[in-house]
Amino acid sequence: MSRKKESSTFLGLVFVEKISGFILLIVGIMLAYYTNTYISDLGGIGFLLIVVGVILAALGLIIFIAKTEQD
């Protein structure tokens, strides 16, 4: 019975990992897009925010597509 409980806990963690990766991907894309849209209003920090958005999107994509293995 404990093996079944471990399996359902593992599936729950995989689900949370995929959802958090997807959310991070969406936030990164939105940050980069809206920063690019209003780059003239942001001044010098606009480029930095675009870079942060792209990094967040890349990390979200990596988390989302990573395969999680159970021992």
N, C-alpha and C. Protein backbone atom coordinates (compact mmCIF):
# COMPACT_ATOMS: atom_id res chain seq x y z
N MET A 1 0.82 -1.19 0.00
CA MET A 1 0.00 0.00 0.00
C MET A 1 0.87 1.26 0.00
N SER A 2 2.01 1.21 0.66
CA SER A 2 2.86 2.39 0.68
C SER A 2 3.44 2.67 -0.70
N ARG A 3 3.61 1.61 -1.48
CA ARG A 3 4.11 1.79 -2.85
C ARG A 3 3.11 2.58 -3.69
N LYS A 4 1.82 2.31 -3.50
CA LYS A 4 0.79 3.04 -4.25
C LYS A 4 0.75 4.50 -3.81
N LYS A 5 0.92 4.74 -2.52
CA LYS A 5 0.92 6.11 -2.02
C LYS A 5 2.11 6.88 -2.57
N GLU A 6 3.28 6.24 -2.64
CA GLU A 6 4.46 6.88 -3.21
C GLU A 6 4.24 7.21 -4.67
N SER A 7 3.57 6.32 -5.40
CA SER A 7 3.32 6.55 -6.81
C SER A 7 2.39 7.75 -7.02
N SER A 8 1.34 7.86 -6.21
CA SER A 8 0.42 8.99 -6.38
C SER A 8 1.09 10.30 -5.96
N THR A 9 1.96 10.25 -4.95
CA THR A 9 2.71 11.44 -4.56
C THR A 9 3.65 11.87 -5.68
N PHE A 10 4.30 10.89 -6.31
CA PHE A 10 5.20 11.18 -7.41
C PHE A 10 4.44 11.82 -8.57
N LEU A 11 3.27 11.29 -8.91
CA LEU A 11 2.48 11.87 -10.00
C LEU A 11 2.03 13.28 -9.67
N GLY A 12 1.71 13.53 -8.41
CA GLY A 12 1.33 14.87 -7.99
C GLY A 12 2.47 15.85 -8.14
N LEU A 13 3.67 15.42 -7.78
CA LEU A 13 4.84 16.30 -7.92
C LEU A 13 5.18 16.56 -9.38
N VAL A 14 5.01 15.56 -10.23
CA VAL A 14 5.25 15.76 -11.66
C VAL A 14 4.24 16.75 -12.22
N PHE A 15 2.99 16.64 -11.81
CA PHE A 15 1.96 17.57 -12.27
C PHE A 15 2.27 18.99 -11.84
N VAL A 16 2.67 19.17 -10.59
CA VAL A 16 3.02 20.51 -10.10
C VAL A 16 4.24 21.05 -10.84
N GLU A 17 5.20 20.20 -11.13
CA GLU A 17 6.38 20.62 -11.87
C GLU A 17 6.01 21.11 -13.27
N LYS A 18 5.17 20.37 -13.96
CA LYS A 18 4.76 20.76 -15.31
C LYS A 18 3.94 22.05 -15.30
N ILE A 19 3.03 22.19 -14.35
CA ILE A 19 2.21 23.40 -14.26
C ILE A 19 3.09 24.62 -13.93
N SER A 20 4.03 24.46 -13.00
CA SER A 20 4.89 25.60 -12.65
C SER A 20 5.80 25.97 -13.82
N GLY A 21 6.26 25.00 -14.58
CA GLY A 21 7.06 25.30 -15.77
C GLY A 21 6.24 26.04 -16.82
N PHE A 22 4.99 25.63 -17.00
CA PHE A 22 4.12 26.29 -17.97
C PHE A 22 3.83 27.73 -17.54
N ILE A 23 3.56 27.93 -16.25
CA ILE A 23 3.29 29.28 -15.74
C ILE A 23 4.53 30.16 -15.90
N LEU A 24 5.69 29.64 -15.59
CA LEU A 24 6.93 30.39 -15.75
C LEU A 24 7.18 30.75 -17.21
N LEU A 25 6.86 29.83 -18.11
CA LEU A 25 6.99 30.10 -19.54
C LEU A 25 6.08 31.24 -19.97
N ILE A 26 4.83 31.21 -19.54
CA ILE A 26 3.87 32.25 -19.91
C ILE A 26 4.28 33.60 -19.33
N VAL A 27 4.71 33.63 -18.08
CA VAL A 27 5.14 34.89 -17.45
C VAL A 27 6.35 35.46 -18.17
N GLY A 28 7.30 34.63 -18.54
CA GLY A 28 8.48 35.09 -19.26
C GLY A 28 8.14 35.66 -20.63
N ILE A 29 7.24 34.99 -21.34
CA ILE A 29 6.82 35.48 -22.66
C ILE A 29 6.09 36.81 -22.52
N MET A 30 5.19 36.90 -21.55
CA MET A 30 4.46 38.15 -21.36
C MET A 30 5.38 39.29 -20.95
N LEU A 31 6.35 39.01 -20.09
CA LEU A 31 7.29 40.05 -19.67
C LEU A 31 8.10 40.56 -20.85
N ALA A 32 8.60 39.66 -21.67
CA ALA A 32 9.39 40.07 -22.82
C ALA A 32 8.53 40.82 -23.84
N TYR A 33 7.32 40.35 -24.08
CA TYR A 33 6.45 40.99 -25.07
C TYR A 33 6.05 42.40 -24.65
N TYR A 34 5.55 42.53 -23.43
CA TYR A 34 5.08 43.84 -22.99
C TYR A 34 6.24 44.83 -22.76
N THR A 35 7.38 44.32 -22.40
CA THR A 35 8.55 45.20 -22.29
C THR A 35 8.96 45.70 -23.67
N ASN A 36 8.92 44.81 -24.66
CA ASN A 36 9.26 45.21 -26.01
C ASN A 36 8.24 46.21 -26.57
N THR A 37 6.98 46.04 -26.21
CA THR A 37 5.93 46.94 -26.68
C THR A 37 6.12 48.36 -26.14
N TYR A 38 6.51 48.47 -24.87
CA TYR A 38 6.64 49.78 -24.23
C TYR A 38 8.10 50.12 -23.91
N ILE A 39 9.01 49.72 -24.79
CA ILE A 39 10.44 49.90 -24.54
C ILE A 39 10.82 51.38 -24.45
N SER A 40 10.15 52.24 -25.20
CA SER A 40 10.52 53.66 -25.18
C SER A 40 10.15 54.32 -23.85
N ASP A 41 9.10 53.83 -23.20
CA ASP A 41 8.69 54.39 -21.91
C ASP A 41 9.58 53.92 -20.75
N LEU A 42 10.24 52.79 -20.93
CA LEU A 42 11.02 52.21 -19.83
C LEU A 42 12.45 52.73 -19.74
N GLY A 43 12.94 53.27 -20.81
CA GLY A 43 14.30 53.80 -20.79
C GLY A 43 15.34 52.70 -20.82
N GLY A 44 16.37 52.87 -20.00
CA GLY A 44 17.50 51.96 -20.00
C GLY A 44 17.22 50.59 -19.42
N ILE A 45 16.23 50.47 -18.58
CA ILE A 45 15.97 49.18 -17.94
C ILE A 45 15.16 48.25 -18.85
N GLY A 46 14.67 48.76 -19.96
CA GLY A 46 13.87 47.95 -20.88
C GLY A 46 14.61 46.74 -21.40
N PHE A 47 15.86 46.94 -21.82
CA PHE A 47 16.65 45.82 -22.34
C PHE A 47 16.86 44.75 -21.28
N LEU A 48 17.13 45.18 -20.06
CA LEU A 48 17.32 44.22 -18.96
C LEU A 48 16.06 43.40 -18.72
N LEU A 49 14.91 44.04 -18.77
CA LEU A 49 13.65 43.32 -18.56
C LEU A 49 13.35 42.34 -19.68
N ILE A 50 13.74 42.68 -20.91
CA ILE A 50 13.57 41.74 -22.02
C ILE A 50 14.45 40.52 -21.81
N VAL A 51 15.68 40.73 -21.39
CA VAL A 51 16.59 39.61 -21.13
C VAL A 51 16.06 38.72 -20.01
N VAL A 52 15.55 39.33 -18.94
CA VAL A 52 14.97 38.56 -17.83
C VAL A 52 13.76 37.76 -18.32
N GLY A 53 12.93 38.36 -19.16
CA GLY A 53 11.77 37.66 -19.70
C GLY A 53 12.16 36.46 -20.54
N VAL A 54 13.18 36.63 -21.37
CA VAL A 54 13.63 35.53 -22.21
C VAL A 54 14.24 34.41 -21.36
N ILE A 55 14.98 34.78 -20.33
CA ILE A 55 15.56 33.76 -19.43
C ILE A 55 14.46 33.01 -18.70
N LEU A 56 13.44 33.72 -18.20
CA LEU A 56 12.32 33.05 -17.54
C LEU A 56 11.58 32.11 -18.49
N ALA A 57 11.38 32.55 -19.72
CA ALA A 57 10.69 31.72 -20.70
C ALA A 57 11.52 30.47 -21.01
N ALA A 58 12.83 30.62 -21.14
CA ALA A 58 13.69 29.47 -21.41
C ALA A 58 13.68 28.48 -20.24
N LEU A 59 13.76 28.99 -19.02
CA LEU A 59 13.72 28.10 -17.86
C LEU A 59 12.37 27.39 -17.75
N GLY A 60 11.29 28.12 -18.01
CA GLY A 60 9.97 27.51 -17.99
C GLY A 60 9.84 26.41 -19.03
N LEU A 61 10.38 26.64 -20.21
CA LEU A 61 10.34 25.62 -21.26
C LEU A 61 11.15 24.39 -20.88
N ILE A 62 12.30 24.61 -20.29
CA ILE A 62 13.14 23.47 -19.86
C ILE A 62 12.42 22.66 -18.78
N ILE A 63 11.83 23.34 -17.82
CA ILE A 63 11.10 22.64 -16.76
C ILE A 63 9.90 21.90 -17.35
N PHE A 64 9.22 22.52 -18.30
CA PHE A 64 8.02 21.93 -18.87
C PHE A 64 8.32 20.68 -19.68
N ILE A 65 9.42 20.67 -20.43
CA ILE A 65 9.70 19.52 -21.30
C ILE A 65 10.61 18.47 -20.65
N ALA A 66 11.13 18.77 -19.46
CA ALA A 66 12.03 17.82 -18.79
C ALA A 66 11.27 16.55 -18.41
N LYS A 67 11.92 15.42 -18.61
CA LYS A 67 11.31 14.14 -18.26
C LYS A 67 11.74 13.77 -16.86
N THR A 68 10.76 13.52 -16.01
CA THR A 68 11.03 13.15 -14.63
C THR A 68 10.93 11.64 -14.48
N GLU A 69 11.95 11.03 -13.90
CA GLU A 69 11.97 9.58 -13.75
C GLU A 69 11.79 9.19 -12.29
N GLN A 70 11.09 8.10 -12.09
CA GLN A 70 10.89 7.58 -10.75
C GLN A 70 11.81 6.37 -10.56
N ASP A 71 12.49 6.33 -9.43
CA ASP A 71 13.40 5.22 -9.15
C ASP A 71 12.64 3.98 -8.74
